[in-house]
Amino acid sequence: MSNVRNFISGIVGMAILIGACAGPAATGPAPASQGTKAGPGAAPVTLRIGTKDGPDKPAGIQITEYVKRVDALSGGSIRI
């Protein structure tokens, strides 16, 4: 009986842990203009990145793709 109880407790614990970790990620990022319970939305964070390569060179192409991905994944709250 105690083995079954330990097994069920372990499963429930893992479900709670996974739900807690995946909760915010599952809903996706909030748009930059949307506020939260903590208050109004903050202005987007702007970061700078550079390279001596032109936009048609490998580093330039990678940076362009990186900028697109950051924009998509952050919901516009991070700009490069």
PDB file of N, CA and C in Angstrom:
ATOM      1  N   MET A   1       0.811  -1.194   0.000  1.00  0.00           N
ATOM      2  CA  MET A   1       0.000   0.000   0.000  1.00  0.00           C
ATOM      3  C   MET A   1       0.855   1.259   0.000  1.00  0.00           C
ATOM      4  N   SER A   2       1.952   1.259   0.793  1.00  0.00           N
ATOM      5  CA  SER A   2       2.789   2.453   0.863  1.00  0.00           C
ATOM      6  C   SER A   2       3.523   2.687  -0.454  1.00  0.00           C
ATOM      7  N   ASN A   3       3.825   1.619  -1.210  1.00  0.00           N
ATOM      8  CA  ASN A   3       4.467   1.796  -2.510  1.00  0.00           C
ATOM      9  C   ASN A   3       3.532   2.517  -3.476  1.00  0.00           C
ATOM     10  N   VAL A   4       2.270   2.159  -3.462  1.00  0.00           N
ATOM     11  CA  VAL A   4       1.286   2.808  -4.324  1.00  0.00           C
ATOM     12  C   VAL A   4       1.129   4.270  -3.910  1.00  0.00           C
ATOM     13  N   ARG A   5       1.064   4.521  -2.622  1.00  0.00           N
ATOM     14  CA  ARG A   5       0.919   5.892  -2.123  1.00  0.00           C
ATOM     15  C   ARG A   5       2.145   6.728  -2.521  1.00  0.00           C
ATOM     16  N   ASN A   6       3.341   6.177  -2.391  1.00  0.00           N
ATOM     17  CA  ASN A   6       4.555   6.894  -2.781  1.00  0.00           C
ATOM     18  C   ASN A   6       4.561   7.173  -4.280  1.00  0.00           C
ATOM     19  N   PHE A   7       4.128   6.200  -5.065  1.00  0.00           N
ATOM     20  CA  PHE A   7       4.089   6.369  -6.511  1.00  0.00           C
ATOM     21  C   PHE A   7       3.116   7.484  -6.898  1.00  0.00           C
ATOM     22  N   ILE A   8       1.927   7.463  -6.320  1.00  0.00           N
ATOM     23  CA  ILE A   8       0.924   8.485  -6.627  1.00  0.00           C
ATOM     24  C   ILE A   8       1.402   9.855  -6.150  1.00  0.00           C
ATOM     25  N   SER A   9       2.007   9.919  -4.987  1.00  0.00           N
ATOM     26  CA  SER A   9       2.538  11.198  -4.486  1.00  0.00           C
ATOM     27  C   SER A   9       3.610  11.735  -5.424  1.00  0.00           C
ATOM     28  N   GLY A  10       4.443  10.855  -5.935  1.00  0.00           N
ATOM     29  CA  GLY A  10       5.478  11.272  -6.877  1.00  0.00           C
ATOM     30  C   GLY A  10       4.889  11.802  -8.172  1.00  0.00           C
ATOM     31  N   ILE A  11       3.870  11.127  -8.692  1.00  0.00           N
ATOM     32  CA  ILE A  11       3.214  11.565  -9.929  1.00  0.00           C
ATOM     33  C   ILE A  11       2.553  12.926  -9.727  1.00  0.00           C
ATOM     34  N   VAL A  12       1.846  13.091  -8.616  1.00  0.00           N
ATOM     35  CA  VAL A  12       1.176  14.362  -8.336  1.00  0.00           C
ATOM     36  C   VAL A  12       2.210  15.479  -8.174  1.00  0.00           C
ATOM     37  N   GLY A  13       3.288  15.184  -7.476  1.00  0.00           N
ATOM     38  CA  GLY A  13       4.349  16.182  -7.302  1.00  0.00           C
ATOM     39  C   GLY A  13       4.956  16.606  -8.626  1.00  0.00           C
ATOM     40  N   MET A  14       5.211  15.651  -9.495  1.00  0.00           N
ATOM     41  CA  MET A  14       5.771  15.969 -10.811  1.00  0.00           C
ATOM     42  C   MET A  14       4.780  16.790 -11.636  1.00  0.00           C
ATOM     43  N   ALA A  15       3.497  16.466 -11.564  1.00  0.00           N
ATOM     44  CA  ALA A  15       2.489  17.215 -12.313  1.00  0.00           C
ATOM     45  C   ALA A  15       2.433  18.665 -11.837  1.00  0.00           C
ATOM     46  N   ILE A  16       2.518  18.865 -10.532  1.00  0.00           N
ATOM     47  CA  ILE A  16       2.504  20.230  -9.990  1.00  0.00           C
ATOM     48  C   ILE A  16       3.753  20.980 -10.429  1.00  0.00           C
ATOM     49  N   LEU A  17       4.896  20.332 -10.376  1.00  0.00           N
ATOM     50  CA  LEU A  17       6.150  20.963 -10.775  1.00  0.00           C
ATOM     51  C   LEU A  17       6.137  21.333 -12.255  1.00  0.00           C
ATOM     52  N   ILE A  18       5.686  20.430 -13.094  1.00  0.00           N
ATOM     53  CA  ILE A  18       5.632  20.704 -14.538  1.00  0.00           C
ATOM     54  C   ILE A  18       4.634  21.825 -14.825  1.00  0.00           C
ATOM     55  N   GLY A  19       3.496  21.801 -14.169  1.00  0.00           N
ATOM     56  CA  GLY A  19       2.502  22.859 -14.367  1.00  0.00           C
ATOM     57  C   GLY A  19       3.018  24.212 -13.930  1.00  0.00           C
ATOM     58  N   ALA A  20       3.759  24.247 -12.829  1.00  0.00           N
ATOM     59  CA  ALA A  20       4.298  25.520 -12.346  1.00  0.00           C
ATOM     60  C   ALA A  20       5.361  26.064 -13.283  1.00  0.00           C
ATOM     61  N   CYS A  21       6.161  25.190 -13.837  1.00  0.00           N
ATOM     62  CA  CYS A  21       7.222  25.626 -14.749  1.00  0.00           C
ATOM     63  C   CYS A  21       6.671  26.001 -16.121  1.00  0.00           C
ATOM     64  N   ALA A  22       5.679  25.300 -16.587  1.00  0.00           N
ATOM     65  CA  ALA A  22       5.162  25.514 -17.936  1.00  0.00           C
ATOM     66  C   ALA A  22       4.055  26.554 -17.989  1.00  0.00           C
ATOM     67  N   GLY A  23       3.479  26.927 -16.863  1.00  0.00           N
ATOM     68  CA  GLY A  23       2.356  27.850 -16.847  1.00  0.00           C
ATOM     69  C   GLY A  23       2.600  29.139 -17.608  1.00  0.00           C
ATOM     70  N   PRO A  24       3.590  29.943 -17.225  1.00  0.00           N
ATOM     71  CA  PRO A  24       3.821  31.189 -17.952  1.00  0.00           C
ATOM     72  C   PRO A  24       4.259  30.972 -19.394  1.00  0.00           C
ATOM     73  N   ALA A  25       5.044  29.952 -19.643  1.00  0.00           N
ATOM     74  CA  ALA A  25       5.521  29.687 -21.004  1.00  0.00           C
ATOM     75  C   ALA A  25       4.394  29.218 -21.909  1.00  0.00           C
ATOM     76  N   ALA A  26       3.434  28.506 -21.349  1.00  0.00           N
ATOM     77  CA  ALA A  26       2.351  27.973 -22.162  1.00  0.00           C
ATOM     78  C   ALA A  26       1.421  29.067 -22.670  1.00  0.00           C
ATOM     79  N   THR A  27       1.340  30.164 -21.941  1.00  0.00           N
ATOM     80  CA  THR A  27       0.449  31.234 -22.360  1.00  0.00           C
ATOM     81  C   THR A  27       1.112  32.191 -23.331  1.00  0.00           C
ATOM     82  N   GLY A  28       2.426  32.139 -23.449  1.00  0.00           N
ATOM     83  CA  GLY A  28       3.157  33.006 -24.363  1.00  0.00           C
ATOM     84  C   GLY A  28       3.426  34.358 -23.739  1.00  0.00           C
ATOM     85  N   PRO A  29       4.296  35.115 -24.353  1.00  0.00           N
ATOM     86  CA  PRO A  29       4.632  36.416 -23.791  1.00  0.00           C
ATOM     87  C   PRO A  29       3.488  37.413 -23.976  1.00  0.00           C
ATOM     88  N   ALA A  30       3.374  38.323 -23.028  1.00  0.00           N
ATOM     89  CA  ALA A  30       2.368  39.378 -23.139  1.00  0.00           C
ATOM     90  C   ALA A  30       2.877  40.425 -24.112  1.00  0.00           C
ATOM     91  N   PRO A  31       2.001  40.991 -24.917  1.00  0.00           N
ATOM     92  CA  PRO A  31       2.429  42.081 -25.791  1.00  0.00           C
ATOM     93  C   PRO A  31       3.013  43.220 -24.970  1.00  0.00           C
ATOM     94  N   ALA A  32       3.918  43.977 -25.555  1.00  0.00           N
ATOM     95  CA  ALA A  32       4.628  45.030 -24.830  1.00  0.00           C
ATOM     96  C   ALA A  32       3.684  46.086 -24.270  1.00  0.00           C
ATOM     97  N   SER A  33       2.587  46.372 -24.948  1.00  0.00           N
ATOM     98  CA  SER A  33       1.685  47.430 -24.504  1.00  0.00           C
ATOM     99  C   SER A  33       0.686  46.953 -23.461  1.00  0.00           C
ATOM    100  N   GLN A  34       0.572  45.647 -23.268  1.00  0.00           N
ATOM    101  CA  GLN A  34      -0.406  45.102 -22.345  1.00  0.00           C
ATOM    102  C   GLN A  34       0.161  45.086 -20.934  1.00  0.00           C
ATOM    103  N   GLY A  35      -0.592  45.578 -19.987  1.00  0.00           N
ATOM    104  CA  GLY A  35      -0.151  45.566 -18.607  1.00  0.00           C
ATOM    105  C   GLY A  35      -0.441  44.224 -17.957  1.00  0.00           C
ATOM    106  N   THR A  36      -0.010  44.099 -16.729  1.00  0.00           N
ATOM    107  CA  THR A  36      -0.249  42.901 -15.929  1.00  0.00           C
ATOM    108  C   THR A  36      -0.898  43.329 -14.616  1.00  0.00           C
ATOM    109  N   LYS A  37      -1.089  42.403 -13.717  1.00  0.00           N
ATOM    110  CA  LYS A  37      -1.632  42.729 -12.402  1.00  0.00           C
ATOM    111  C   LYS A  37      -0.699  43.677 -11.651  1.00  0.00           C
ATOM    112  N   ALA A  38       0.589  43.643 -12.011  1.00  0.00           N
ATOM    113  CA  ALA A  38       1.567  44.490 -11.332  1.00  0.00           C
ATOM    114  C   ALA A  38       1.498  45.939 -11.787  1.00  0.00           C
ATOM    115  N   GLY A  39       0.847  46.207 -12.905  1.00  0.00           N
ATOM    116  CA  GLY A  39       0.738  47.577 -13.384  1.00  0.00           C
ATOM    117  C   GLY A  39       0.762  47.631 -14.888  1.00  0.00           C
ATOM    118  N   PRO A  40       0.862  48.859 -15.423  1.00  0.00           N
ATOM    119  CA  PRO A  40       0.854  49.012 -16.875  1.00  0.00           C
ATOM    120  C   PRO A  40       2.105  48.414 -17.507  1.00  0.00           C
ATOM    121  N   GLY A  41       2.011  48.124 -18.788  1.00  0.00           N
ATOM    122  CA  GLY A  41       3.143  47.543 -19.506  1.00  0.00           C
ATOM    123  C   GLY A  41       4.307  48.510 -19.582  1.00  0.00           C
ATOM    124  N   ALA A  42       5.501  47.973 -19.543  1.00  0.00           N
ATOM    125  CA  ALA A  42       6.710  48.783 -19.622  1.00  0.00           C
ATOM    126  C   ALA A  42       7.082  49.008 -21.084  1.00  0.00           C
ATOM    127  N   ALA A  43       7.896  50.009 -21.311  1.00  0.00           N
ATOM    128  CA  ALA A  43       8.395  50.258 -22.664  1.00  0.00           C
ATOM    129  C   ALA A  43       9.289  49.098 -23.081  1.00  0.00           C
ATOM    130  N   PRO A  44       9.353  48.798 -24.367  1.00  0.00           N
ATOM    131  CA  PRO A  44      10.208  47.707 -24.822  1.00  0.00           C
ATOM    132  C   PRO A  44      11.676  47.960 -24.465  1.00  0.00           C
ATOM    133  N   VAL A  45      12.388  46.906 -24.160  1.00  0.00           N
ATOM    134  CA  VAL A  45      13.817  46.978 -23.900  1.00  0.00           C
ATOM    135  C   VAL A  45      14.516  46.984 -25.254  1.00  0.00           C
ATOM    136  N   THR A  46      15.453  47.894 -25.452  1.00  0.00           N
ATOM    137  CA  THR A  46      16.176  47.970 -26.718  1.00  0.00           C
ATOM    138  C   THR A  46      17.627  47.572 -26.492  1.00  0.00           C
ATOM    139  N   LEU A  47      18.089  46.590 -27.236  1.00  0.00           N
ATOM    140  CA  LEU A  47      19.468  46.120 -27.179  1.00  0.00           C
ATOM    141  C   LEU A  47      20.142  46.416 -28.508  1.00  0.00           C
ATOM    142  N   ARG A  48      21.454  46.521 -28.483  1.00  0.00           N
ATOM    143  CA  ARG A  48      22.207  46.774 -29.717  1.00  0.00           C
ATOM    144  C   ARG A  48      23.143  45.612 -29.973  1.00  0.00           C
ATOM    145  N   ILE A  49      23.297  45.271 -31.218  1.00  0.00           N
ATOM    146  CA  ILE A  49      24.221  44.229 -31.649  1.00  0.00           C
ATOM    147  C   ILE A  49      24.849  44.697 -32.955  1.00  0.00           C
ATOM    148  N   GLY A  50      26.083  44.347 -33.173  1.00  0.00           N
ATOM    149  CA  GLY A  50      26.729  44.796 -34.392  1.00  0.00           C
ATOM    150  C   GLY A  50      27.791  43.814 -34.873  1.00  0.00           C
ATOM    151  N   THR A  51      28.178  43.997 -36.108  1.00  0.00           N
ATOM    152  CA  THR A  51      29.225  43.199 -36.712  1.00  0.00           C
ATOM    153  C   THR A  51      29.869  44.029 -37.814  1.00  0.00           C
ATOM    154  N   LYS A  52      31.083  43.696 -38.151  1.00  0.00           N
ATOM    155  CA  LYS A  52      31.733  44.406 -39.252  1.00  0.00           C
ATOM    156  C   LYS A  52      31.300  43.832 -40.602  1.00  0.00           C
ATOM    157  N   ASP A  53      30.637  42.669 -40.574  1.00  0.00           N
ATOM    158  CA  ASP A  53      30.147  42.061 -41.808  1.00  0.00           C
ATOM    159  C   ASP A  53      28.895  42.784 -42.294  1.00  0.00           C
ATOM    160  N   GLY A  54      28.710  42.790 -43.598  1.00  0.00           N
ATOM    161  CA  GLY A  54      27.511  43.367 -44.187  1.00  0.00           C
ATOM    162  C   GLY A  54      26.313  42.451 -44.015  1.00  0.00           C
ATOM    163  N   PRO A  55      25.114  42.923 -44.357  1.00  0.00           N
ATOM    164  CA  PRO A  55      23.903  42.124 -44.183  1.00  0.00           C
ATOM    165  C   PRO A  55      23.845  40.888 -45.073  1.00  0.00           C
ATOM    166  N   ASP A  56      24.678  40.831 -46.120  1.00  0.00           N
ATOM    167  CA  ASP A  56      24.675  39.673 -47.015  1.00  0.00           C
ATOM    168  C   ASP A  56      25.730  38.631 -46.628  1.00  0.00           C
ATOM    169  N   LYS A  57      26.514  38.893 -45.618  1.00  0.00           N
ATOM    170  CA  LYS A  57      27.536  37.956 -45.130  1.00  0.00           C
ATOM    171  C   LYS A  57      26.945  37.065 -44.045  1.00  0.00           C
ATOM    172  N   PRO A  58      27.601  35.931 -43.712  1.00  0.00           N
ATOM    173  CA  PRO A  58      27.031  35.000 -42.732  1.00  0.00           C
ATOM    174  C   PRO A  58      26.644  35.637 -41.393  1.00  0.00           C
ATOM    175  N   ALA A  59      27.512  36.456 -40.820  1.00  0.00           N
ATOM    176  CA  ALA A  59      27.184  37.062 -39.520  1.00  0.00           C
ATOM    177  C   ALA A  59      25.992  38.010 -39.659  1.00  0.00           C
ATOM    178  N   GLY A  60      25.933  38.765 -40.750  1.00  0.00           N
ATOM    179  CA  GLY A  60      24.808  39.673 -40.969  1.00  0.00           C
ATOM    180  C   GLY A  60      23.500  38.932 -41.143  1.00  0.00           C
ATOM    181  N   ILE A  61      23.541  37.838 -41.852  1.00  0.00           N
ATOM    182  CA  ILE A  61      22.337  37.011 -42.059  1.00  0.00           C
ATOM    183  C   ILE A  61      21.872  36.417 -40.732  1.00  0.00           C
ATOM    184  N   GLN A  62      22.822  35.949 -39.917  1.00  0.00           N
ATOM    185  CA  GLN A  62      22.477  35.371 -38.616  1.00  0.00           C
ATOM    186  C   GLN A  62      21.875  36.425 -37.690  1.00  0.00           C
ATOM    187  N   ILE A  63      22.436  37.626 -37.705  1.00  0.00           N
ATOM    188  CA  ILE A  63      21.902  38.692 -36.861  1.00  0.00           C
ATOM    189  C   ILE A  63      20.482  39.056 -37.297  1.00  0.00           C
ATOM    190  N   THR A  64      20.253  39.133 -38.590  1.00  0.00           N
ATOM    191  CA  THR A  64      18.909  39.449 -39.092  1.00  0.00           C
ATOM    192  C   THR A  64      17.901  38.402 -38.622  1.00  0.00           C
ATOM    193  N   GLU A  65      18.254  37.134 -38.709  1.00  0.00           N
ATOM    194  CA  GLU A  65      17.369  36.063 -38.252  1.00  0.00           C
ATOM    195  C   GLU A  65      17.171  36.134 -36.740  1.00  0.00           C
ATOM    196  N   TYR A  66      18.236  36.429 -36.004  1.00  0.00           N
ATOM    197  CA  TYR A  66      18.166  36.552 -34.553  1.00  0.00           C
ATOM    198  C   TYR A  66      17.188  37.664 -34.153  1.00  0.00           C
ATOM    199  N   VAL A  67      17.275  38.800 -34.823  1.00  0.00           N
ATOM    200  CA  VAL A  67      16.385  39.926 -34.543  1.00  0.00           C
ATOM    201  C   VAL A  67      14.930  39.516 -34.758  1.00  0.00           C
ATOM    202  N   LYS A  68      14.658  38.805 -35.845  1.00  0.00           N
ATOM    203  CA  LYS A  68      13.290  38.350 -36.129  1.00  0.00           C
ATOM    204  C   LYS A  68      12.791  37.406 -35.038  1.00  0.00           C
ATOM    205  N   ARG A  69      13.649  36.483 -34.611  1.00  0.00           N
ATOM    206  CA  ARG A  69      13.250  35.502 -33.586  1.00  0.00           C
ATOM    207  C   ARG A  69      12.999  36.163 -32.240  1.00  0.00           C
ATOM    208  N   VAL A  70      13.887  37.088 -31.846  1.00  0.00           N
ATOM    209  CA  VAL A  70      13.706  37.785 -30.572  1.00  0.00           C
ATOM    210  C   VAL A  70      12.396  38.565 -30.583  1.00  0.00           C
ATOM    211  N   ASP A  71      12.101  39.238 -31.669  1.00  0.00           N
ATOM    212  CA  ASP A  71      10.861  39.989 -31.780  1.00  0.00           C
ATOM    213  C   ASP A  71       9.647  39.068 -31.650  1.00  0.00           C
ATOM    214  N   ALA A  72       9.689  37.946 -32.355  1.00  0.00           N
ATOM    215  CA  ALA A  72       8.564  37.019 -32.325  1.00  0.00           C
ATOM    216  C   ALA A  72       8.386  36.380 -30.944  1.00  0.00           C
ATOM    217  N   LEU A  73       9.470  35.946 -30.324  1.00  0.00           N
ATOM    218  CA  LEU A  73       9.387  35.242 -29.060  1.00  0.00           C
ATOM    219  C   LEU A  73       9.107  36.175 -27.876  1.00  0.00           C
ATOM    220  N   SER A  74       9.511  37.433 -27.969  1.00  0.00           N
ATOM    221  CA  SER A  74       9.292  38.363 -26.869  1.00  0.00           C
ATOM    222  C   SER A  74       7.975  39.121 -27.005  1.00  0.00           C
ATOM    223  N   GLY A  75       7.282  38.926 -28.110  1.00  0.00           N
ATOM    224  CA  GLY A  75       6.041  39.660 -28.321  1.00  0.00           C
ATOM    225  C   GLY A  75       6.262  41.158 -28.491  1.00  0.00           C
ATOM    226  N   GLY A  76       7.454  41.524 -28.925  1.00  0.00           N
ATOM    227  CA  GLY A  76       7.760  42.935 -29.132  1.00  0.00           C
ATOM    228  C   GLY A  76       8.295  43.650 -27.906  1.00  0.00           C
ATOM    229  N   SER A  77       8.447  42.931 -26.781  1.00  0.00           N
ATOM    230  CA  SER A  77       8.927  43.580 -25.561  1.00  0.00           C
ATOM    231  C   SER A  77      10.440  43.755 -25.546  1.00  0.00           C
ATOM    232  N   ILE A  78      11.141  43.103 -26.469  1.00  0.00           N
ATOM    233  CA  ILE A  78      12.589  43.266 -26.628  1.00  0.00           C
ATOM    234  C   ILE A  78      12.859  43.614 -28.073  1.00  0.00           C
ATOM    235  N   ARG A  79      13.590  44.684 -28.272  1.00  0.00           N
ATOM    236  CA  ARG A  79      13.953  45.106 -29.623  1.00  0.00           C
ATOM    237  C   ARG A  79      15.466  45.085 -29.764  1.00  0.00           C
ATOM    238  N   ILE A  80      15.911  44.694 -30.943  1.00  0.00           N
ATOM    239  CA  ILE A  80      17.351  44.705 -31.244  1.00  0.00           C
ATOM    240  C   ILE A  80      17.566  45.551 -32.458  1.00  0.00           C
TER     241      ILE A  80
END
